[in-house]
Amino acid sequence: MANINELPELKEKLEQIKSDLSKKEGERLAVMEQLFKKFGVKELDDLYKKFDELGKKKEVKQEEMEELIADVSKRLREYGY
């Protein structure tokens, strides 16, 4: 248990923590607002769906690129390069 002499110090630390939390919450809300605008969504669930869609698109594009590289490599070998 805290000593009576430590109470003002503890109160000051608690106020600092509250202030830090409030600041971080403001930063979090600002980031969320930017993401919502950037990806054209209004809710966090929609943002997660958008990220999933983008991840799937990335995988498809990666597969397409790998197929193209394999095809180009094959053709270069066929031409003697």
PDB file of N, CA and C in Angstrom:
ATOM      1  N   MET A   1       0.837  -1.174   0.000  1.00  0.00           N
ATOM      2  CA  MET A   1       0.000   0.000   0.000  1.00  0.00           C
ATOM      3  C   MET A   1       0.883   1.238   0.000  1.00  0.00           C
ATOM      4  N   ALA A   2       0.430   2.244  -0.667  1.00  0.00           N
ATOM      5  CA  ALA A   2       1.216   3.473  -0.812  1.00  0.00           C
ATOM      6  C   ALA A   2       1.278   4.247   0.493  1.00  0.00           C
ATOM      7  N   ASN A   3       2.413   4.791   0.724  1.00  0.00           N
ATOM      8  CA  ASN A   3       2.626   5.656   1.863  1.00  0.00           C
ATOM      9  C   ASN A   3       1.895   6.965   1.611  1.00  0.00           C
ATOM     10  N   ILE A   4       1.399   7.601   2.639  1.00  0.00           N
ATOM     11  CA  ILE A   4       0.673   8.880   2.519  1.00  0.00           C
ATOM     12  C   ILE A   4       1.520   9.922   1.810  1.00  0.00           C
ATOM     13  N   ASN A   5       2.827   9.883   2.003  1.00  0.00           N
ATOM     14  CA  ASN A   5       3.716  10.863   1.372  1.00  0.00           C
ATOM     15  C   ASN A   5       3.849  10.624  -0.132  1.00  0.00           C
ATOM     16  N   GLU A   6       3.535   9.422  -0.573  1.00  0.00           N
ATOM     17  CA  GLU A   6       3.657   9.093  -1.993  1.00  0.00           C
ATOM     18  C   GLU A   6       2.400   9.449  -2.788  1.00  0.00           C
ATOM     19  N   LEU A   7       1.309   9.772  -2.136  1.00  0.00           N
ATOM     20  CA  LEU A   7       0.049  10.011  -2.830  1.00  0.00           C
ATOM     21  C   LEU A   7       0.125  11.129  -3.872  1.00  0.00           C
ATOM     22  N   PRO A   8       0.710  12.288  -3.570  1.00  0.00           N
ATOM     23  CA  PRO A   8       0.785  13.328  -4.605  1.00  0.00           C
ATOM     24  C   PRO A   8       1.584  12.871  -5.829  1.00  0.00           C
ATOM     25  N   GLU A   9       2.653  12.143  -5.592  1.00  0.00           N
ATOM     26  CA  GLU A   9       3.477  11.634  -6.691  1.00  0.00           C
ATOM     27  C   GLU A   9       2.688  10.626  -7.527  1.00  0.00           C
ATOM     28  N   LEU A  10       1.971   9.745  -6.858  1.00  0.00           N
ATOM     29  CA  LEU A  10       1.150   8.762  -7.567  1.00  0.00           C
ATOM     30  C   LEU A  10       0.030   9.436  -8.352  1.00  0.00           C
ATOM     31  N   LYS A  11      -0.559  10.463  -7.762  1.00  0.00           N
ATOM     32  CA  LYS A  11      -1.622  11.199  -8.447  1.00  0.00           C
ATOM     33  C   LYS A  11      -1.074  11.868  -9.699  1.00  0.00           C
ATOM     34  N   GLU A  12       0.127  12.433  -9.602  1.00  0.00           N
ATOM     35  CA  GLU A  12       0.761  13.074 -10.754  1.00  0.00           C
ATOM     36  C   GLU A  12       1.056  12.046 -11.855  1.00  0.00           C
ATOM     37  N   LYS A  13       1.541  10.883 -11.454  1.00  0.00           N
ATOM     38  CA  LYS A  13       1.821   9.833 -12.428  1.00  0.00           C
ATOM     39  C   LYS A  13       0.530   9.371 -13.106  1.00  0.00           C
ATOM     40  N   LEU A  14      -0.526   9.241 -12.327  1.00  0.00           N
ATOM     41  CA  LEU A  14      -1.809   8.828 -12.870  1.00  0.00           C
ATOM     42  C   LEU A  14      -2.327   9.864 -13.870  1.00  0.00           C
ATOM     43  N   GLU A  15      -2.197  11.126 -13.558  1.00  0.00           N
ATOM     44  CA  GLU A  15      -2.626  12.186 -14.473  1.00  0.00           C
ATOM     45  C   GLU A  15      -1.801  12.162 -15.760  1.00  0.00           C
ATOM     46  N   GLN A  16      -0.513  11.868 -15.650  1.00  0.00           N
ATOM     47  CA  GLN A  16       0.343  11.782 -16.827  1.00  0.00           C
ATOM     48  C   GLN A  16      -0.079  10.602 -17.705  1.00  0.00           C
ATOM     49  N   ILE A  17      -0.391   9.490 -17.068  1.00  0.00           N
ATOM     50  CA  ILE A  17      -0.846   8.317 -17.815  1.00  0.00           C
ATOM     51  C   ILE A  17      -2.158   8.619 -18.521  1.00  0.00           C
ATOM     52  N   LYS A  18      -3.085   9.271 -17.839  1.00  0.00           N
ATOM     53  CA  LYS A  18      -4.359   9.653 -18.453  1.00  0.00           C
ATOM     54  C   LYS A  18      -4.127  10.560 -19.658  1.00  0.00           C
ATOM     55  N   SER A  19      -3.219  11.507 -19.500  1.00  0.00           N
ATOM     56  CA  SER A  19      -2.891  12.439 -20.582  1.00  0.00           C
ATOM     57  C   SER A  19      -2.289  11.687 -21.778  1.00  0.00           C
ATOM     58  N   ASP A  20      -1.364  10.779 -21.493  1.00  0.00           N
ATOM     59  CA  ASP A  20      -0.736   9.989 -22.554  1.00  0.00           C
ATOM     60  C   ASP A  20      -1.761   9.124 -23.286  1.00  0.00           C
ATOM     61  N   LEU A  21      -2.656   8.509 -22.527  1.00  0.00           N
ATOM     62  CA  LEU A  21      -3.701   7.680 -23.132  1.00  0.00           C
ATOM     63  C   LEU A  21      -4.618   8.504 -24.025  1.00  0.00           C
ATOM     64  N   SER A  22      -4.966   9.668 -23.558  1.00  0.00           N
ATOM     65  CA  SER A  22      -5.834  10.553 -24.340  1.00  0.00           C
ATOM     66  C   SER A  22      -5.143  10.958 -25.645  1.00  0.00           C
ATOM     67  N   LYS A  23      -3.870  11.270 -25.556  1.00  0.00           N
ATOM     68  CA  LYS A  23      -3.110  11.648 -26.739  1.00  0.00           C
ATOM     69  C   LYS A  23      -3.035  10.484 -27.727  1.00  0.00           C
ATOM     70  N   LYS A  24      -2.741   9.299 -27.233  1.00  0.00           N
ATOM     71  CA  LYS A  24      -2.652   8.116 -28.095  1.00  0.00           C
ATOM     72  C   LYS A  24      -3.998   7.809 -28.740  1.00  0.00           C
ATOM     73  N   GLU A  25      -5.083   7.986 -27.995  1.00  0.00           N
ATOM     74  CA  GLU A  25      -6.413   7.750 -28.543  1.00  0.00           C
ATOM     75  C   GLU A  25      -6.697   8.733 -29.675  1.00  0.00           C
ATOM     76  N   GLY A  26      -6.296   9.983 -29.496  1.00  0.00           N
ATOM     77  CA  GLY A  26      -6.445  10.969 -30.560  1.00  0.00           C
ATOM     78  C   GLY A  26      -5.645  10.594 -31.791  1.00  0.00           C
ATOM     79  N   GLU A  27      -4.432  10.126 -31.590  1.00  0.00           N
ATOM     80  CA  GLU A  27      -3.594   9.689 -32.713  1.00  0.00           C
ATOM     81  C   GLU A  27      -4.230   8.500 -33.427  1.00  0.00           C
ATOM     82  N   ARG A  28      -4.754   7.554 -32.640  1.00  0.00           N
ATOM     83  CA  ARG A  28      -5.392   6.367 -33.217  1.00  0.00           C
ATOM     84  C   ARG A  28      -6.600   6.764 -34.066  1.00  0.00           C
ATOM     85  N   LEU A  29      -7.413   7.661 -33.537  1.00  0.00           N
ATOM     86  CA  LEU A  29      -8.594   8.104 -34.281  1.00  0.00           C
ATOM     87  C   LEU A  29      -8.204   8.826 -35.570  1.00  0.00           C
ATOM     88  N   ALA A  30      -7.147   9.618 -35.514  1.00  0.00           N
ATOM     89  CA  ALA A  30      -6.685  10.330 -36.713  1.00  0.00           C
ATOM     90  C   ALA A  30      -6.210   9.344 -37.777  1.00  0.00           C
ATOM     91  N   VAL A  31      -5.479   8.320 -37.369  1.00  0.00           N
ATOM     92  CA  VAL A  31      -5.001   7.309 -38.310  1.00  0.00           C
ATOM     93  C   VAL A  31      -6.184   6.556 -38.908  1.00  0.00           C
ATOM     94  N   MET A  32      -7.140   6.190 -38.065  1.00  0.00           N
ATOM     95  CA  MET A  32      -8.319   5.467 -38.560  1.00  0.00           C
ATOM     96  C   MET A  32      -9.081   6.327 -39.568  1.00  0.00           C
ATOM     97  N   GLU A  33      -9.236   7.595 -39.271  1.00  0.00           N
ATOM     98  CA  GLU A  33      -9.936   8.490 -40.187  1.00  0.00           C
ATOM     99  C   GLU A  33      -9.215   8.575 -41.532  1.00  0.00           C
ATOM    100  N   GLN A  34      -7.898   8.664 -41.497  1.00  0.00           N
ATOM    101  CA  GLN A  34      -7.117   8.703 -42.740  1.00  0.00           C
ATOM    102  C   GLN A  34      -7.298   7.415 -43.540  1.00  0.00           C
ATOM    103  N   LEU A  35      -7.265   6.286 -42.851  1.00  0.00           N
ATOM    104  CA  LEU A  35      -7.428   5.001 -43.537  1.00  0.00           C
ATOM    105  C   LEU A  35      -8.829   4.878 -44.134  1.00  0.00           C
ATOM    106  N   PHE A  36      -9.830   5.310 -43.378  1.00  0.00           N
ATOM    107  CA  PHE A  36     -11.202   5.255 -43.883  1.00  0.00           C
ATOM    108  C   PHE A  36     -11.333   6.075 -45.160  1.00  0.00           C
ATOM    109  N   LYS A  37     -10.760   7.266 -45.150  1.00  0.00           N
ATOM    110  CA  LYS A  37     -10.830   8.124 -46.340  1.00  0.00           C
ATOM    111  C   LYS A  37     -10.058   7.513 -47.502  1.00  0.00           C
ATOM    112  N   LYS A  38      -8.861   7.040 -47.218  1.00  0.00           N
ATOM    113  CA  LYS A  38      -7.998   6.512 -48.269  1.00  0.00           C
ATOM    114  C   LYS A  38      -8.622   5.307 -48.971  1.00  0.00           C
ATOM    115  N   PHE A  39      -9.281   4.444 -48.198  1.00  0.00           N
ATOM    116  CA  PHE A  39      -9.833   3.231 -48.768  1.00  0.00           C
ATOM    117  C   PHE A  39     -11.341   3.307 -49.002  1.00  0.00           C
ATOM    118  N   GLY A  40     -11.933   4.467 -48.762  1.00  0.00           N
ATOM    119  CA  GLY A  40     -13.343   4.673 -49.056  1.00  0.00           C
ATOM    120  C   GLY A  40     -14.285   3.811 -48.240  1.00  0.00           C
ATOM    121  N   VAL A  41     -13.991   3.652 -46.970  1.00  0.00           N
ATOM    122  CA  VAL A  41     -14.856   2.861 -46.088  1.00  0.00           C
ATOM    123  C   VAL A  41     -15.274   3.725 -44.902  1.00  0.00           C
ATOM    124  N   LYS A  42     -16.292   3.228 -44.180  1.00  0.00           N
ATOM    125  CA  LYS A  42     -16.793   4.001 -43.041  1.00  0.00           C
ATOM    126  C   LYS A  42     -16.650   3.282 -41.704  1.00  0.00           C
ATOM    127  N   GLU A  43     -16.363   1.979 -41.769  1.00  0.00           N
ATOM    128  CA  GLU A  43     -16.257   1.205 -40.531  1.00  0.00           C
ATOM    129  C   GLU A  43     -15.022   0.313 -40.559  1.00  0.00           C
ATOM    130  N   LEU A  44     -14.598  -0.080 -39.382  1.00  0.00           N
ATOM    131  CA  LEU A  44     -13.400  -0.901 -39.248  1.00  0.00           C
ATOM    132  C   LEU A  44     -13.573  -2.261 -39.936  1.00  0.00           C
ATOM    133  N   ASP A  45     -14.749  -2.856 -39.823  1.00  0.00           N
ATOM    134  CA  ASP A  45     -14.984  -4.143 -40.489  1.00  0.00           C
ATOM    135  C   ASP A  45     -14.819  -4.021 -41.993  1.00  0.00           C
ATOM    136  N   ASP A  46     -15.299  -2.923 -42.563  1.00  0.00           N
ATOM    137  CA  ASP A  46     -15.145  -2.698 -44.001  1.00  0.00           C
ATOM    138  C   ASP A  46     -13.680  -2.540 -44.379  1.00  0.00           C
ATOM    139  N   LEU A  47     -12.919  -1.933 -43.494  1.00  0.00           N
ATOM    140  CA  LEU A  47     -11.490  -1.760 -43.741  1.00  0.00           C
ATOM    141  C   LEU A  47     -10.788  -3.116 -43.762  1.00  0.00           C
ATOM    142  N   TYR A  48     -11.147  -3.995 -42.826  1.00  0.00           N
ATOM    143  CA  TYR A  48     -10.565  -5.336 -42.821  1.00  0.00           C
ATOM    144  C   TYR A  48     -10.925  -6.084 -44.101  1.00  0.00           C
ATOM    145  N   LYS A  49     -12.165  -5.959 -44.546  1.00  0.00           N
ATOM    146  CA  LYS A  49     -12.584  -6.608 -45.794  1.00  0.00           C
ATOM    147  C   LYS A  49     -11.763  -6.077 -46.962  1.00  0.00           C
ATOM    148  N   LYS A  50     -11.556  -4.759 -46.978  1.00  0.00           N
ATOM    149  CA  LYS A  50     -10.778  -4.131 -48.044  1.00  0.00           C
ATOM    150  C   LYS A  50      -9.344  -4.669 -48.034  1.00  0.00           C
ATOM    151  N   PHE A  51      -8.748  -4.777 -46.854  1.00  0.00           N
ATOM    152  CA  PHE A  51      -7.392  -5.315 -46.751  1.00  0.00           C
ATOM    153  C   PHE A  51      -7.337  -6.752 -47.250  1.00  0.00           C
ATOM    154  N   ASP A  52      -8.365  -7.552 -46.910  1.00  0.00           N
ATOM    155  CA  ASP A  52      -8.410  -8.933 -47.406  1.00  0.00           C
ATOM    156  C   ASP A  52      -8.485  -8.956 -48.925  1.00  0.00           C
ATOM    157  N   GLU A  53      -9.331  -8.096 -49.504  1.00  0.00           N
ATOM    158  CA  GLU A  53      -9.457  -8.022 -50.960  1.00  0.00           C
ATOM    159  C   GLU A  53      -8.128  -7.647 -51.605  1.00  0.00           C
ATOM    160  N   LEU A  54      -7.472  -6.655 -51.022  1.00  0.00           N
ATOM    161  CA  LEU A  54      -6.183  -6.219 -51.561  1.00  0.00           C
ATOM    162  C   LEU A  54      -5.140  -7.322 -51.449  1.00  0.00           C
ATOM    163  N   GLY A  55      -5.174  -8.067 -50.354  1.00  0.00           N
ATOM    164  CA  GLY A  55      -4.244  -9.178 -50.187  1.00  0.00           C
ATOM    165  C   GLY A  55      -4.464 -10.249 -51.245  1.00  0.00           C
ATOM    166  N   LYS A  56      -5.727 -10.541 -51.528  1.00  0.00           N
ATOM    167  CA  LYS A  56      -6.045 -11.535 -52.559  1.00  0.00           C
ATOM    168  C   LYS A  56      -5.620 -11.047 -53.936  1.00  0.00           C
ATOM    169  N   LYS A  57      -5.857  -9.761 -54.215  1.00  0.00           N
ATOM    170  CA  LYS A  57      -5.434  -9.198 -55.502  1.00  0.00           C
ATOM    171  C   LYS A  57      -3.918  -9.284 -55.644  1.00  0.00           C
ATOM    172  N   LYS A  58      -3.229  -9.021 -54.557  1.00  0.00           N
ATOM    173  CA  LYS A  58      -1.761  -9.083 -54.581  1.00  0.00           C
ATOM    174  C   LYS A  58      -1.302 -10.498 -54.906  1.00  0.00           C
ATOM    175  N   GLU A  59      -1.941 -11.492 -54.288  1.00  0.00           N
ATOM    176  CA  GLU A  59      -1.575 -12.883 -54.555  1.00  0.00           C
ATOM    177  C   GLU A  59      -1.800 -13.235 -56.020  1.00  0.00           C
ATOM    178  N   VAL A  60      -2.930 -12.805 -56.570  1.00  0.00           N
ATOM    179  CA  VAL A  60      -3.237 -13.092 -57.976  1.00  0.00           C
ATOM    180  C   VAL A  60      -2.198 -12.429 -58.877  1.00  0.00           C
ATOM    181  N   LYS A  61      -1.886 -11.168 -58.601  1.00  0.00           N
ATOM    182  CA  LYS A  61      -0.886 -10.455 -59.412  1.00  0.00           C
ATOM    183  C   LYS A  61       0.478 -11.114 -59.290  1.00  0.00           C
ATOM    184  N   GLN A  62       0.816 -11.585 -58.096  1.00  0.00           N
ATOM    185  CA  GLN A  62       2.097 -12.261 -57.888  1.00  0.00           C
ATOM    186  C   GLN A  62       2.152 -13.540 -58.727  1.00  0.00           C
ATOM    187  N   GLU A  63       1.061 -14.296 -58.722  1.00  0.00           N
ATOM    188  CA  GLU A  63       1.008 -15.522 -59.515  1.00  0.00           C
ATOM    189  C   GLU A  63       1.121 -15.210 -61.002  1.00  0.00           C
ATOM    190  N   GLU A  64       0.421 -14.164 -61.448  1.00  0.00           N
ATOM    191  CA  GLU A  64       0.496 -13.772 -62.860  1.00  0.00           C
ATOM    192  C   GLU A  64       1.920 -13.389 -63.234  1.00  0.00           C
ATOM    193  N   MET A  65       2.578 -12.643 -62.354  1.00  0.00           N
ATOM    194  CA  MET A  65       3.947 -12.211 -62.622  1.00  0.00           C
ATOM    195  C   MET A  65       4.887 -13.417 -62.694  1.00  0.00           C
ATOM    196  N   GLU A  66       4.711 -14.362 -61.791  1.00  0.00           N
ATOM    197  CA  GLU A  66       5.557 -15.557 -61.797  1.00  0.00           C
ATOM    198  C   GLU A  66       5.341 -16.361 -63.084  1.00  0.00           C
ATOM    199  N   GLU A  67       4.093 -16.450 -63.528  1.00  0.00           N
ATOM    200  CA  GLU A  67       3.806 -17.149 -64.782  1.00  0.00           C
ATOM    201  C   GLU A  67       4.455 -16.435 -65.969  1.00  0.00           C
ATOM    202  N   LEU A  68       4.374 -15.110 -65.973  1.00  0.00           N
ATOM    203  CA  LEU A  68       4.996 -14.344 -67.061  1.00  0.00           C
ATOM    204  C   LEU A  68       6.509 -14.519 -67.063  1.00  0.00           C
ATOM    205  N   ILE A  69       7.112 -14.480 -65.897  1.00  0.00           N
ATOM    206  CA  ILE A  69       8.563 -14.655 -65.800  1.00  0.00           C
ATOM    207  C   ILE A  69       8.956 -16.043 -66.285  1.00  0.00           C
ATOM    208  N   ALA A  70       8.174 -17.045 -65.888  1.00  0.00           N
ATOM    209  CA  ALA A  70       8.467 -18.407 -66.333  1.00  0.00           C
ATOM    210  C   ALA A  70       8.328 -18.506 -67.846  1.00  0.00           C
ATOM    211  N   ASP A  71       7.299 -17.894 -68.425  1.00  0.00           N
ATOM    212  CA  ASP A  71       7.082 -17.933 -69.874  1.00  0.00           C
ATOM    213  C   ASP A  71       8.209 -17.220 -70.620  1.00  0.00           C
ATOM    214  N   VAL A  72       8.598 -16.053 -70.124  1.00  0.00           N
ATOM    215  CA  VAL A  72       9.686 -15.301 -70.768  1.00  0.00           C
ATOM    216  C   VAL A  72      10.991 -16.083 -70.667  1.00  0.00           C
ATOM    217  N   SER A  73      11.247 -16.669 -69.513  1.00  0.00           N
ATOM    218  CA  SER A  73      12.474 -17.463 -69.342  1.00  0.00           C
ATOM    219  C   SER A  73      12.490 -18.635 -70.305  1.00  0.00           C
ATOM    220  N   LYS A  74      11.355 -19.313 -70.450  1.00  0.00           N
ATOM    221  CA  LYS A  74      11.248 -20.440 -71.373  1.00  0.00           C
ATOM    222  C   LYS A  74      11.515 -19.986 -72.801  1.00  0.00           C
ATOM    223  N   ARG A  75      10.911 -18.888 -73.201  1.00  0.00           N
ATOM    224  CA  ARG A  75      11.095 -18.395 -74.572  1.00  0.00           C
ATOM    225  C   ARG A  75      12.540 -17.963 -74.804  1.00  0.00           C
ATOM    226  N   LEU A  76      13.153 -17.340 -73.829  1.00  0.00           N
ATOM    227  CA  LEU A  76      14.561 -16.952 -73.981  1.00  0.00           C
ATOM    228  C   LEU A  76      15.446 -18.186 -74.165  1.00  0.00           C
ATOM    229  N   ARG A  77      15.162 -19.252 -73.412  1.00  0.00           N
ATOM    230  CA  ARG A  77      15.931 -20.487 -73.563  1.00  0.00           C
ATOM    231  C   ARG A  77      15.707 -21.081 -74.964  1.00  0.00           C
ATOM    232  N   GLU A  78      14.462 -21.008 -75.425  1.00  0.00           N
ATOM    233  CA  GLU A  78      14.150 -21.535 -76.761  1.00  0.00           C
ATOM    234  C   GLU A  78      14.900 -20.771 -77.849  1.00  0.00           C
ATOM    235  N   TYR A  79      15.142 -19.485 -77.635  1.00  0.00           N
ATOM    236  CA  TYR A  79      15.870 -18.668 -78.620  1.00  0.00           C
ATOM    237  C   TYR A  79      17.368 -18.715 -78.405  1.00  0.00           C
ATOM    238  N   GLY A  80      17.793 -19.489 -77.420  1.00  0.00           N
ATOM    239  CA  GLY A  80      19.222 -19.687 -77.200  1.00  0.00           C
ATOM    240  C   GLY A  80      19.856 -18.665 -76.285  1.00  0.00           C
ATOM    241  N   TYR A  81      19.105 -17.996 -75.478  1.00  0.00           N
ATOM    242  CA  TYR A  81      19.693 -17.031 -74.544  1.00  0.00           C
ATOM    243  C   TYR A  81      19.867 -17.611 -73.185  1.00  0.00           C
TER     244      TYR A  81
END
